[in-house]
Amino acid sequence: MLEEITIQKGIPIPERTGLGLKVRSALTLVMQKMEIGDCIDVPLSAVKQRGGLATRAKTLSIKVTMRTIDNGQTKMLRVWRIK
């Protein structure tokens, strides 16, 4: 296996593309448009991890708080922009 690894020279390092924000998801675009006090409801089935939403908000320089809401049919994650 080590025989297959070779040292390469002169290959330029590509520029960073950011934290994945060049390919923006619909949720990222919505979060960018939110004003303080606004909230959105996201189906829990669409959210893999709550922490992912918090991280996304942090990369957008906004602060959010989240609560799980059960409307009887579907569990939702309600996300408020607080800062």
C-alpha atoms as a PDB file:
ATOM      1  CA  MET A   1       0.000   0.000   0.000  1.00  0.00           C
ATOM      2  CA  LEU A   2       2.765   2.483   0.874  1.00  0.00           C
ATOM      3  CA  GLU A   3       4.397   1.695  -2.452  1.00  0.00           C
ATOM      4  CA  GLU A   4       1.357   3.266  -4.178  1.00  0.00           C
ATOM      5  CA  ILE A   5       1.812   6.631  -2.423  1.00  0.00           C
ATOM      6  CA  THR A   6       4.081   9.010  -4.318  1.00  0.00           C
ATOM      7  CA  ILE A   7       5.367  12.466  -3.508  1.00  0.00           C
ATOM      8  CA  GLN A   8       4.291  15.058  -6.071  1.00  0.00           C
ATOM      9  CA  LYS A   9       5.937  18.422  -6.605  1.00  0.00           C
ATOM     10  CA  GLY A  10       4.813  21.656  -8.240  1.00  0.00           C
ATOM     11  CA  ILE A  11       1.062  21.139  -7.932  1.00  0.00           C
ATOM     12  CA  PRO A  12      -0.613  24.478  -6.987  1.00  0.00           C
ATOM     13  CA  ILE A  13      -3.014  24.621  -4.028  1.00  0.00           C
ATOM     14  CA  PRO A  14      -6.514  25.657  -5.185  1.00  0.00           C
ATOM     15  CA  GLU A  15      -8.206  28.631  -3.560  1.00  0.00           C
ATOM     16  CA  ARG A  16     -10.680  27.899  -0.788  1.00  0.00           C
ATOM     17  CA  THR A  17     -14.301  28.100  -1.817  1.00  0.00           C
ATOM     18  CA  GLY A  18     -15.591  29.074   1.627  1.00  0.00           C
ATOM     19  CA  LEU A  19     -17.692  26.959   3.954  1.00  0.00           C
ATOM     20  CA  GLY A  20     -19.864  25.503   1.251  1.00  0.00           C
ATOM     21  CA  LEU A  21     -21.763  28.763   0.869  1.00  0.00           C
ATOM     22  CA  LYS A  22     -21.060  29.031  -2.856  1.00  0.00           C
ATOM     23  CA  VAL A  23     -23.559  26.248  -3.374  1.00  0.00           C
ATOM     24  CA  ARG A  24     -26.340  27.640  -1.248  1.00  0.00           C
ATOM     25  CA  SER A  25     -29.236  25.554  -0.161  1.00  0.00           C
ATOM     26  CA  ALA A  26     -32.760  26.904  -0.051  1.00  0.00           C
ATOM     27  CA  LEU A  27     -32.575  26.965   3.748  1.00  0.00           C
ATOM     28  CA  THR A  28     -29.413  29.080   3.682  1.00  0.00           C
ATOM     29  CA  LEU A  29     -31.060  31.582   1.338  1.00  0.00           C
ATOM     30  CA  VAL A  30     -34.111  31.806   3.615  1.00  0.00           C
ATOM     31  CA  MET A  31     -31.954  32.248   6.720  1.00  0.00           C
ATOM     32  CA  GLN A  32     -30.068  35.102   5.023  1.00  0.00           C
ATOM     33  CA  LYS A  33     -33.349  36.959   4.444  1.00  0.00           C
ATOM     34  CA  MET A  34     -34.582  36.592   8.042  1.00  0.00           C
ATOM     35  CA  GLU A  35     -34.710  39.656  10.250  1.00  0.00           C
ATOM     36  CA  ILE A  36     -34.417  39.648  14.041  1.00  0.00           C
ATOM     37  CA  GLY A  37     -37.638  38.224  15.488  1.00  0.00           C
ATOM     38  CA  ASP A  38     -38.543  36.273  12.338  1.00  0.00           C
ATOM     39  CA  CYS A  39     -39.006  32.519  12.532  1.00  0.00           C
ATOM     40  CA  ILE A  40     -39.279  29.622  10.123  1.00  0.00           C
ATOM     41  CA  ASP A  41     -40.688  26.113  10.531  1.00  0.00           C
ATOM     42  CA  VAL A  42     -38.566  23.305   9.155  1.00  0.00           C
ATOM     43  CA  PRO A  43     -39.874  19.700   9.137  1.00  0.00           C
ATOM     44  CA  LEU A  44     -37.759  17.580  11.472  1.00  0.00           C
ATOM     45  CA  SER A  45     -37.579  14.987   8.700  1.00  0.00           C
ATOM     46  CA  ALA A  46     -35.677  17.543   6.593  1.00  0.00           C
ATOM     47  CA  VAL A  47     -33.169  18.336   9.333  1.00  0.00           C
ATOM     48  CA  LYS A  48     -30.430  15.780   9.880  1.00  0.00           C
ATOM     49  CA  GLN A  49     -29.003  17.526  12.933  1.00  0.00           C
ATOM     50  CA  ARG A  50     -30.077  20.583  14.886  1.00  0.00           C
ATOM     51  CA  GLY A  51     -26.435  21.513  15.249  1.00  0.00           C
ATOM     52  CA  GLY A  52     -26.150  21.791  11.480  1.00  0.00           C
ATOM     53  CA  LEU A  53     -28.676  24.628  11.472  1.00  0.00           C
ATOM     54  CA  ALA A  54     -26.844  26.403  14.277  1.00  0.00           C
ATOM     55  CA  THR A  55     -23.550  26.022  12.420  1.00  0.00           C
ATOM     56  CA  ARG A  56     -25.128  27.340   9.223  1.00  0.00           C
ATOM     57  CA  ALA A  57     -26.459  30.359  11.123  1.00  0.00           C
ATOM     58  CA  LYS A  58     -23.036  30.964  12.654  1.00  0.00           C
ATOM     59  CA  THR A  59     -21.359  30.958   9.232  1.00  0.00           C
ATOM     60  CA  LEU A  60     -23.933  33.555   8.162  1.00  0.00           C
ATOM     61  CA  SER A  61     -23.089  35.647  11.280  1.00  0.00           C
ATOM     62  CA  ILE A  62     -26.587  35.359  12.710  1.00  0.00           C
ATOM     63  CA  LYS A  63     -27.766  33.893  15.995  1.00  0.00           C
ATOM     64  CA  VAL A  64     -30.779  31.612  16.242  1.00  0.00           C
ATOM     65  CA  THR A  65     -32.700  29.680  18.856  1.00  0.00           C
ATOM     66  CA  MET A  66     -34.697  26.553  18.090  1.00  0.00           C
ATOM     67  CA  ARG A  67     -37.653  24.696  19.577  1.00  0.00           C
ATOM     68  CA  THR A  68     -39.331  21.463  18.542  1.00  0.00           C
ATOM     69  CA  ILE A  69     -43.011  22.036  17.762  1.00  0.00           C
ATOM     70  CA  ASP A  70     -45.558  19.213  17.478  1.00  0.00           C
ATOM     71  CA  ASN A  71     -48.586  20.397  15.518  1.00  0.00           C
ATOM     72  CA  GLY A  72     -50.334  17.037  15.769  1.00  0.00           C
ATOM     73  CA  GLN A  73     -49.417  15.862  12.282  1.00  0.00           C
ATOM     74  CA  THR A  74     -45.731  16.556  11.901  1.00  0.00           C
ATOM     75  CA  LYS A  75     -42.926  17.518  14.230  1.00  0.00           C
ATOM     76  CA  MET A  76     -41.323  20.751  13.151  1.00  0.00           C
ATOM     77  CA  LEU A  77     -38.252  22.645  14.193  1.00  0.00           C
ATOM     78  CA  ARG A  78     -39.109  26.309  14.692  1.00  0.00           C
ATOM     79  CA  VAL A  79     -36.072  28.537  14.226  1.00  0.00           C
ATOM     80  CA  TRP A  80     -36.089  32.162  15.408  1.00  0.00           C
ATOM     81  CA  ARG A  81     -33.431  34.699  14.475  1.00  0.00           C
ATOM     82  CA  ILE A  82     -32.494  36.464  17.703  1.00  0.00           C
ATOM     83  CA  LYS A  83     -29.431  38.480  16.683  1.00  0.00           C
END
